[in-house]
Protein backbone atom coordinates (compact mmCIF):
# COMPACT_ATOMS: atom_id res chain seq x y z
CA MET A 1 35.53 29.63 50.44
CA THR A 2 36.96 32.75 51.63
CA THR A 3 38.55 35.27 49.12
CA VAL A 4 42.07 36.43 50.35
CA PRO A 5 42.76 39.65 48.92
CA ALA A 6 45.51 39.81 46.16
CA LYS A 7 47.96 41.94 48.45
CA VAL A 8 47.48 39.75 51.69
CA GLN A 9 47.80 36.62 49.57
CA SER A 10 51.16 37.83 47.93
CA ARG A 11 52.58 38.32 51.51
CA LEU A 12 51.23 34.96 52.88
CA ILE A 13 52.70 33.18 49.76
CA SER A 14 56.08 34.60 50.03
CA GLY A 15 56.13 34.85 53.85
CA LEU A 16 55.26 30.77 53.79
CA LYS A 17 57.94 30.20 51.21
CA LYS A 18 60.68 32.15 53.58
CA PHE A 19 59.82 30.73 56.83
CA GLN A 20 59.22 27.07 56.28
CA SER A 21 63.00 26.64 55.85
CA ILE A 22 63.43 28.47 58.91
CA VAL A 23 61.05 26.51 60.78
CA LYS A 24 62.11 23.17 59.95
CA ALA A 25 65.69 24.34 60.68
CA ALA A 26 64.59 25.71 64.30
CA LYS A 27 63.13 22.05 64.58
CA ALA A 28 66.23 20.18 63.85
CA LYS A 29 68.64 22.23 65.79
CA ASP A 30 66.00 21.90 68.75
CA ILE A 31 66.26 25.59 69.60
CA ASN A 32 65.13 26.64 72.76
CA GLU A 33 61.60 28.45 73.52
CA SER A 34 63.28 31.72 73.95
CA ASP A 35 64.58 31.59 70.30
CA THR A 36 61.35 29.87 69.07
CA VAL A 37 59.51 33.09 70.18
CA ILE A 38 61.82 35.35 67.92
CA ILE A 39 60.87 33.53 65.29
CA ILE A 40 57.17 33.61 65.81
CA THR A 41 57.42 37.46 66.34
CA ASP A 42 58.66 37.48 62.72
CA ILE A 43 55.98 35.13 61.47
CA LEU A 44 53.50 37.36 63.14
CA ALA A 45 54.64 40.47 61.68
CA GLU A 46 55.88 39.37 58.08
CA ILE A 47 53.30 36.75 57.56
CA PHE A 48 50.16 37.88 59.59
CA GLY A 49 50.33 41.39 58.93
CA TYR A 50 50.97 42.63 62.63
CA ASP A 51 53.18 45.88 63.35
CA LYS A 52 56.32 44.16 65.32
CA PHE A 53 56.60 47.41 67.60
CA SER A 54 52.97 48.44 68.50
CA GLU A 55 50.93 45.36 68.26
CA ILE A 56 52.87 42.28 68.95
CA THR A 57 53.65 42.31 73.00
CA SER A 58 55.74 39.97 75.18
CA GLU A 59 54.49 42.24 78.08
CA GLN A 60 50.90 41.14 78.40
CA ALA A 61 50.45 40.31 82.13
CA VAL A 62 48.35 37.30 83.25
CA LYS A 63 48.03 37.78 86.89
CA LYS A 64 51.40 37.23 88.48
CA THR A 65 53.07 36.02 85.08
CA PHE A 66 53.41 37.02 81.44
CA CYS A 67 52.17 35.19 78.46
CA ASP A 68 54.85 34.42 75.67
CA LEU A 69 53.32 36.84 72.97
CA ALA A 70 50.11 38.58 72.58
CA ILE A 71 48.30 40.49 69.62
CA LYS A 72 46.96 43.82 70.88
CA ILE A 73 45.24 46.37 68.68
CA ASP A 74 43.75 49.55 69.89
CA ASN A 75 44.47 48.72 73.53
CA LYS A 76 42.34 45.51 73.22
CA VAL A 77 44.13 41.94 73.37
CA ARG A 78 42.81 40.03 70.48
CA PHE A 79 44.94 36.65 70.58
CA ILE A 80 47.08 35.42 73.21
CA ILE A 81 49.71 33.12 71.86
CA GLU A 82 51.60 30.44 73.73
CA VAL A 83 54.88 29.42 72.27
CA LYS A 84 56.80 26.05 72.85
CA ALA A 85 60.20 25.16 72.16
CA ALA A 86 60.46 24.37 68.00
CA GLY A 87 61.62 20.69 68.79
CA LEU A 88 58.99 20.16 71.53
CA ASP A 89 55.81 18.33 70.86
CA LEU A 90 52.50 20.23 71.91
CA LYS A 91 50.63 18.22 74.74
CA GLU A 92 47.46 18.53 76.75
CA ASP A 93 49.05 20.42 79.81
CA HIS A 94 50.55 22.87 77.23
CA ILE A 95 46.86 23.55 75.88
CA SER A 96 45.71 23.85 79.38
CA GLN A 97 48.31 26.46 79.98
CA ALA A 98 47.25 28.34 76.94
CA VAL A 99 43.77 28.13 77.75
CA ASN A 100 44.37 29.43 81.56
CA TYR A 101 46.11 32.26 80.27
CA GLY A 102 42.99 33.39 78.04
CA ALA A 103 40.56 32.44 80.81
CA ASN A 104 42.24 34.62 83.22
CA SER A 105 42.96 37.51 80.73
CA GLY A 106 39.06 37.46 79.37
CA VAL A 107 40.62 36.73 75.99
CA GLU A 108 38.30 34.24 73.77
CA TRP A 109 40.96 33.47 70.98
CA ILE A 110 44.39 31.48 71.87
CA ILE A 111 47.17 30.46 69.71
CA LEU A 112 49.39 27.46 70.93
CA THR A 113 52.48 26.74 68.56
CA ASN A 114 56.03 25.36 68.40
CA GLY A 115 56.58 26.92 64.95
CA SER A 116 55.43 24.06 63.13
CA VAL A 117 52.20 22.95 64.66
CA TRP A 118 49.60 25.93 65.36
CA LYS A 119 46.62 25.07 67.09
CA VAL A 120 43.80 27.86 67.12
CA PHE A 121 41.28 27.63 70.15
CA LYS A 122 37.98 29.56 71.02
CA ILE A 123 37.47 29.96 74.69
CA ILE A 124 33.89 29.34 75.82
CA PHE A 125 33.16 31.70 78.78
CA GLY A 126 30.61 29.49 80.31
CA LYS A 127 30.46 27.57 83.74
CA PRO A 128 32.66 25.83 83.80
CA ILE A 129 35.02 27.62 81.23
CA SER A 130 35.56 25.40 78.16
CA GLN A 131 37.52 25.65 74.89
CA GLU A 132 37.19 24.31 71.29
CA LEU A 133 39.72 23.63 69.02
CA VAL A 134 38.59 25.54 66.02
CA TYR A 135 41.51 24.12 63.83
CA ASP A 136 45.16 23.39 63.44
CA PHE A 137 47.79 23.11 60.80
CA ASP A 138 51.27 22.05 60.10
CA PHE A 139 53.25 25.16 59.32
CA THR A 140 55.92 23.16 57.12
CA GLN A 141 53.57 21.02 55.36
CA LEU A 142 51.15 23.91 53.97
CA ASN A 143 51.39 24.33 50.07
CA ALA A 144 51.88 27.98 48.74
CA LYS A 145 49.75 27.37 45.46
CA LYS A 146 47.03 25.41 47.44
CA ALA A 147 44.14 28.30 48.21
CA SER A 148 42.85 26.21 51.00
CA ASP A 149 46.08 26.33 52.89
CA ILE A 150 46.52 29.99 52.21
CA GLU A 151 42.85 30.56 53.84
CA LEU A 152 44.29 28.86 57.18
CA LEU A 153 46.71 31.46 57.46
CA PHE A 154 44.53 34.26 56.33
CA TYR A 155 41.84 33.40 59.37
CA VAL A 156 44.54 34.79 62.02
CA CYS A 157 45.71 37.83 59.86
CA LYS A 158 45.33 41.49 60.80
CA GLU A 159 43.09 42.05 57.85
CA SER A 160 40.68 39.42 59.03
CA LEU A 161 39.82 40.83 62.47
CA GLY A 162 37.47 43.51 61.61
CA LYS A 163 35.53 41.23 59.40
CA SER A 164 35.23 38.54 62.23
CA LEU A 165 36.31 35.80 59.40
CA LEU A 166 37.62 33.77 62.33
CA GLU A 167 34.27 33.71 64.23
CA ASP A 168 32.43 32.99 60.92
CA PHE A 169 34.96 30.04 60.26
CA HIS A 170 34.27 28.85 63.67
CA ILE A 171 30.34 28.90 63.18
CA GLN A 172 30.71 27.00 59.97
CA LYS A 173 32.87 24.29 61.65
CA GLN A 174 30.11 23.86 64.43
CA VAL A 175 27.41 23.47 61.87
CA LEU A 176 29.26 20.93 59.57
CA SER A 177 30.39 18.89 62.56
CA ARG A 178 29.09 15.21 63.22
CA PHE A 179 27.74 16.30 66.33
CA PHE A 180 25.60 19.40 64.96
CA LEU A 181 24.29 16.99 61.89
CA GLY A 182 23.61 14.18 63.99
CA GLN A 183 21.13 16.07 66.41
CA LEU A 184 19.58 17.77 63.40
CA ILE A 185 18.90 14.29 61.96
CA LEU A 186 16.90 13.36 64.73
CA THR A 187 14.68 16.48 64.71
CA GLU A 188 11.05 15.86 63.96
CA PRO A 189 10.93 17.65 60.74
CA ILE A 190 13.81 15.61 59.17
CA ILE A 191 12.60 12.20 60.76
CA ASP A 192 8.92 13.06 59.38
CA SER A 193 10.56 13.97 55.97
CA ILE A 194 12.31 10.37 56.03
CA ARG A 195 8.95 8.90 56.98
CA LYS A 196 7.22 10.41 54.04
CA LEU A 197 9.67 9.54 51.77
CA MET A 198 9.62 5.75 52.84
CA LYS A 199 6.08 5.91 52.23
CA LYS A 200 6.46 7.10 48.64
CA VAL A 201 9.13 4.68 47.95
CA VAL A 202 7.72 1.50 49.57
CA PRO A 203 3.85 2.54 50.05
CA GLU A 204 2.87 -0.92 51.56
CA VAL A 205 5.06 -0.63 54.55
CA LYS A 206 4.03 1.40 57.68
CA VAL A 207 6.39 2.88 59.94
CA ASN A 208 6.13 5.66 62.56
CA CYS A 209 8.54 8.37 63.47
CA ASP A 210 9.53 6.55 66.78
CA GLU A 211 10.79 3.62 64.94
CA ILE A 212 12.73 5.29 62.44
CA LYS A 213 14.39 7.69 65.05
CA GLN A 214 15.07 4.42 67.20
CA VAL A 215 16.95 2.85 64.23
CA ILE A 216 18.84 5.78 63.32
CA GLU A 217 20.02 6.29 67.02
CA LEU A 218 20.99 2.79 67.51
CA GLU A 219 22.16 1.64 63.99
CA VAL A 220 22.78 4.40 61.84
CA LEU A 221 24.72 7.07 63.95
CA LYS A 222 27.63 6.31 66.01
CA ARG A 223 27.08 6.62 69.83
CA GLU A 224 30.01 9.27 70.05
CA VAL A 225 28.12 11.50 67.85
CA LEU A 226 25.29 11.57 70.23
CA GLU A 227 26.68 11.74 73.31
CA GLY A 228 29.06 14.27 75.16
CA LYS A 229 29.01 18.05 75.84
CA VAL A 230 29.55 19.08 72.14
CA SER A 231 26.40 17.03 71.18
CA ASP A 232 24.42 18.28 73.86
CA GLU A 233 25.09 21.55 73.00
CA ALA A 234 24.38 21.36 69.67
CA LYS A 235 20.88 19.58 70.50
CA LYS A 236 20.10 22.64 72.90
CA LYS A 237 20.94 25.03 70.03
CA ILE A 238 18.62 23.29 67.65
CA ASN A 239 15.92 22.61 69.98
CA LYS A 240 16.00 26.48 70.99
CA VAL A 241 15.15 27.29 67.20
CA LEU A 242 12.42 24.67 66.77
CA LYS A 243 10.80 25.75 69.94
CA SER A 244 11.00 29.51 69.19
CA LYS A 245 9.90 29.31 65.67
CA PRO A 246 8.11 25.79 64.97
CA LYS A 247 5.98 26.89 62.43
CA ASP A 248 8.88 28.51 60.31
CA THR A 249 11.44 25.91 60.87
CA ALA A 250 9.01 23.15 59.88
CA ALA A 251 8.19 25.15 56.64
CA LYS A 252 11.79 25.40 55.71
CA LEU A 253 12.51 22.00 56.20
CA GLY A 254 9.94 20.63 53.70
CA ASN A 255 6.67 22.51 54.11
CA HIS A 256 5.47 20.32 56.60
CA ASN A 257 1.60 21.25 57.99
CA SER A 258 2.32 18.78 60.73
CA VAL A 259 5.09 16.78 62.04
CA CYS A 260 5.07 13.02 62.15
CA GLU A 261 1.42 12.49 61.27
């Protein structure tokens, strides 16, 4: 759990209480995008702590157009923020638009919001360029008394930028994802640990690592966990570590002198 400084926590709580009713009213009135941008600007200033006149801009050029808002500190754009009308549901084409703005600007952190729903994306500048939804939340449903809800706001606060807290949160989400854990379970050190534990529990039964791995792949883990780009990336990351430090990794995973003996 991330510790939110008391001063920042107080600002987040008071700001949340103030703006939740404003956002709800804006959605009920179905206000247009321009008016929603005004509310988001105030939220960025009063809740997230950015200076309205020097750090929040609506004049960040992206090719031949301008994004709705950007957070710019020390001449560096930290967030691009795409705003949609308060009463409009966020759709895939809105995500694509926001991500394209970031990709064309070389900015990795993108926020898409209609005031109620906030989606925080990280752009992965690979070939091809892709994006990951780091997290999202419904602003109107956050509980000011709940520490985990306040944390969600804190990750995009000005005070978090210098500490790379959003990046750390992103890495934690990746490691705890079902894709990463699924690929981790299928590594030789883990499979061998299962085999050895089986041997202790049921000494008379003889099974090998390949048999265990096959059952896990076909009957234990869901197919969607082991397939797709996210799963492939997790597998590459794990294999890179196992290949570069096989002895150290094996030791950390159970002091194996050899794998799948």
